[in-house]
């Protein structure tokens, strides 16, 4: 059960990460990345971001590239939220494949 503070921080982090990926997606990743969900631990030390990746064949390569750039992404996030948070949480990125799963179910139902 998330507290109101956790929920506010989650939505703020989701919004700011989405803006960072929007800036980077055209130049660095060459695909579209959306932040579908962000969860933070109760002590606000770890933020888990779930990403949907579009317009690319190999999503694993992109998620690994993002994980390699986590330090830079965290720094840039810190620049954006430094007035709201004392400590920027450690970032963990995961591939959100729920849309792929739904598409697969749709395909199977059409058969």
C-alpha atoms as a PDB file:
ATOM      1  CA  UNK A   1       0.000   0.000   0.000  1.00  0.00           C
ATOM      2  CA  UNK A   2       1.542   3.250  -1.150  1.00  0.00           C
ATOM      3  CA  UNK A   3       1.300   6.411   0.888  1.00  0.00           C
ATOM      4  CA  UNK A   4       0.160   9.686  -0.647  1.00  0.00           C
ATOM      5  CA  UNK A   5       3.769  10.938  -0.643  1.00  0.00           C
ATOM      6  CA  UNK A   6       4.943   7.837  -2.509  1.00  0.00           C
ATOM      7  CA  UNK A   7       2.209   8.273  -5.090  1.00  0.00           C
ATOM      8  CA  UNK A   8       3.118  11.936  -5.640  1.00  0.00           C
ATOM      9  CA  UNK A   9       6.802  11.082  -6.028  1.00  0.00           C
ATOM     10  CA  UNK A  10       5.979   8.208  -8.392  1.00  0.00           C
ATOM     11  CA  UNK A  11       3.926  10.456 -10.667  1.00  0.00           C
ATOM     12  CA  UNK A  12       6.577  13.205 -10.590  1.00  0.00           C
ATOM     13  CA  UNK A  13       9.355  10.719 -11.456  1.00  0.00           C
ATOM     14  CA  UNK A  14       7.226   9.196 -14.223  1.00  0.00           C
ATOM     15  CA  UNK A  15       6.596  12.623 -15.739  1.00  0.00           C
ATOM     16  CA  UNK A  16      10.256  13.697 -15.582  1.00  0.00           C
ATOM     17  CA  UNK A  17      11.597  10.357 -16.882  1.00  0.00           C
ATOM     18  CA  UNK A  18       9.114  10.557 -19.757  1.00  0.00           C
ATOM     19  CA  UNK A  19      10.479  14.001 -20.649  1.00  0.00           C
ATOM     20  CA  UNK A  20      14.071  12.730 -20.513  1.00  0.00           C
ATOM     21  CA  UNK A  21      13.251   9.775 -22.778  1.00  0.00           C
ATOM     22  CA  UNK A  22      11.323  12.054 -25.125  1.00  0.00           C
ATOM     23  CA  UNK A  23      14.449  14.194 -25.574  1.00  0.00           C
ATOM     24  CA  UNK A  24      16.748  11.165 -25.980  1.00  0.00           C
ATOM     25  CA  UNK A  25      14.574   8.808 -27.991  1.00  0.00           C
ATOM     26  CA  UNK A  26      15.108  10.404 -31.395  1.00  0.00           C
ATOM     27  CA  UNK A  27      18.867  10.900 -31.125  1.00  0.00           C
ATOM     28  CA  UNK A  28      20.188   8.131 -28.885  1.00  0.00           C
ATOM     29  CA  UNK A  29      17.727   5.243 -28.916  1.00  0.00           C
ATOM     30  CA  UNK A  30      16.160   5.745 -32.382  1.00  0.00           C
ATOM     31  CA  UNK A  31      12.769   4.522 -31.143  1.00  0.00           C
ATOM     32  CA  UNK A  32       9.824   5.673 -29.054  1.00  0.00           C
ATOM     33  CA  UNK A  33       9.975   5.026 -25.315  1.00  0.00           C
ATOM     34  CA  UNK A  34       7.126   5.597 -22.885  1.00  0.00           C
ATOM     35  CA  UNK A  35       7.256   5.291 -19.116  1.00  0.00           C
ATOM     36  CA  UNK A  36       4.183   3.231 -18.271  1.00  0.00           C
ATOM     37  CA  UNK A  37       4.636   3.021 -14.504  1.00  0.00           C
ATOM     38  CA  UNK A  38       7.028   4.061 -11.749  1.00  0.00           C
ATOM     39  CA  UNK A  39       7.041   2.547  -8.280  1.00  0.00           C
ATOM     40  CA  UNK A  40       9.176   3.677  -5.356  1.00  0.00           C
ATOM     41  CA  UNK A  41      10.084   1.729  -2.236  1.00  0.00           C
ATOM     42  CA  UNK A  42       8.690   2.883   1.104  1.00  0.00           C
ATOM     43  CA  UNK A  43      12.019   4.482   2.067  1.00  0.00           C
ATOM     44  CA  UNK A  44      12.128   6.271  -1.329  1.00  0.00           C
ATOM     45  CA  UNK A  45      15.591   4.866  -2.087  1.00  0.00           C
ATOM     46  CA  UNK A  46      14.749   2.806  -5.190  1.00  0.00           C
ATOM     47  CA  UNK A  47      12.522   3.747  -8.116  1.00  0.00           C
ATOM     48  CA  UNK A  48      11.493   1.036 -10.565  1.00  0.00           C
ATOM     49  CA  UNK A  49      10.484   2.359 -13.967  1.00  0.00           C
ATOM     50  CA  UNK A  50       8.567   0.202 -16.436  1.00  0.00           C
ATOM     51  CA  UNK A  51       9.144   1.164 -20.062  1.00  0.00           C
ATOM     52  CA  UNK A  52       7.277   0.387 -23.271  1.00  0.00           C
ATOM     53  CA  UNK A  53       9.473   0.516 -26.356  1.00  0.00           C
ATOM     54  CA  UNK A  54       8.045   1.013 -29.854  1.00  0.00           C
ATOM     55  CA  UNK A  55       9.391   1.162 -33.427  1.00  0.00           C
ATOM     56  CA  UNK A  56      12.258  -1.248 -32.906  1.00  0.00           C
ATOM     57  CA  UNK A  57      12.733  -4.936 -33.559  1.00  0.00           C
ATOM     58  CA  UNK A  58      15.021  -5.700 -30.623  1.00  0.00           C
ATOM     59  CA  UNK A  59      13.681  -4.222 -27.401  1.00  0.00           C
ATOM     60  CA  UNK A  60      16.242  -6.042 -25.246  1.00  0.00           C
ATOM     61  CA  UNK A  61      19.089  -4.098 -26.897  1.00  0.00           C
ATOM     62  CA  UNK A  62      17.352  -0.794 -26.117  1.00  0.00           C
ATOM     63  CA  UNK A  63      16.589  -1.709 -22.483  1.00  0.00           C
ATOM     64  CA  UNK A  64      20.224  -2.782 -22.011  1.00  0.00           C
ATOM     65  CA  UNK A  65      21.394   0.515 -23.510  1.00  0.00           C
ATOM     66  CA  UNK A  66      19.134   2.367 -21.081  1.00  0.00           C
ATOM     67  CA  UNK A  67      20.513   0.324 -18.177  1.00  0.00           C
ATOM     68  CA  UNK A  68      24.065   1.230 -19.257  1.00  0.00           C
ATOM     69  CA  UNK A  69      23.086   4.924 -19.228  1.00  0.00           C
ATOM     70  CA  UNK A  70      21.301   4.750 -15.851  1.00  0.00           C
ATOM     71  CA  UNK A  71      23.918   6.903 -14.136  1.00  0.00           C
ATOM     72  CA  UNK A  72      23.507   9.716 -16.675  1.00  0.00           C
ATOM     73  CA  UNK A  73      19.697   9.433 -16.607  1.00  0.00           C
ATOM     74  CA  UNK A  74      19.716   9.604 -12.782  1.00  0.00           C
ATOM     75  CA  UNK A  75      21.942  12.701 -12.879  1.00  0.00           C
ATOM     76  CA  UNK A  76      19.631  14.440 -15.340  1.00  0.00           C
ATOM     77  CA  UNK A  77      16.608  13.430 -13.273  1.00  0.00           C
ATOM     78  CA  UNK A  78      18.328  14.910 -10.226  1.00  0.00           C
ATOM     79  CA  UNK A  79      18.779  18.214 -12.057  1.00  0.00           C
ATOM     80  CA  UNK A  80      15.027  18.320 -12.695  1.00  0.00           C
ATOM     81  CA  UNK A  81      13.753  17.267  -9.236  1.00  0.00           C
ATOM     82  CA  UNK A  82      16.442  18.739  -6.985  1.00  0.00           C
ATOM     83  CA  UNK A  83      13.974  21.209  -5.453  1.00  0.00           C
ATOM     84  CA  UNK A  84      11.413  18.505  -4.613  1.00  0.00           C
ATOM     85  CA  UNK A  85      13.629  15.622  -3.423  1.00  0.00           C
ATOM     86  CA  UNK A  86      16.712  15.623  -1.225  1.00  0.00           C
ATOM     87  CA  UNK A  87      18.004  12.319  -2.558  1.00  0.00           C
ATOM     88  CA  UNK A  88      17.331  11.039  -6.061  1.00  0.00           C
ATOM     89  CA  UNK A  89      16.364   7.356  -5.814  1.00  0.00           C
ATOM     90  CA  UNK A  90      18.411   4.627  -7.450  1.00  0.00           C
ATOM     91  CA  UNK A  91      16.818   3.836 -10.802  1.00  0.00           C
ATOM     92  CA  UNK A  92      15.948   0.377 -12.051  1.00  0.00           C
ATOM     93  CA  UNK A  93      14.499  -0.089 -15.521  1.00  0.00           C
ATOM     94  CA  UNK A  94      12.267  -2.934 -16.673  1.00  0.00           C
ATOM     95  CA  UNK A  95      10.626  -3.731 -19.986  1.00  0.00           C
ATOM     96  CA  UNK A  96       6.846  -3.453 -19.803  1.00  0.00           C
ATOM     97  CA  UNK A  97       5.524  -5.972 -22.302  1.00  0.00           C
ATOM     98  CA  UNK A  98       1.836  -5.873 -21.373  1.00  0.00           C
ATOM     99  CA  UNK A  99       0.889  -4.302 -24.724  1.00  0.00           C
ATOM    100  CA  UNK A 100       2.774  -7.026 -26.603  1.00  0.00           C
ATOM    101  CA  UNK A 101       0.974  -9.589 -24.474  1.00  0.00           C
ATOM    102  CA  UNK A 102      -2.409  -8.026 -25.295  1.00  0.00           C
ATOM    103  CA  UNK A 103      -1.582  -7.949 -29.012  1.00  0.00           C
ATOM    104  CA  UNK A 104      -0.657 -11.632 -28.887  1.00  0.00           C
ATOM    105  CA  UNK A 105      -3.955 -12.477 -27.180  1.00  0.00           C
ATOM    106  CA  UNK A 106      -5.804 -10.452 -29.821  1.00  0.00           C
ATOM    107  CA  UNK A 107      -4.056 -12.384 -32.600  1.00  0.00           C
ATOM    108  CA  UNK A 108      -4.956 -15.693 -31.015  1.00  0.00           C
ATOM    109  CA  UNK A 109      -8.591 -14.677 -30.576  1.00  0.00           C
ATOM    110  CA  UNK A 110      -8.881 -13.652 -34.238  1.00  0.00           C
ATOM    111  CA  UNK A 111      -7.781 -17.097 -35.424  1.00  0.00           C
END
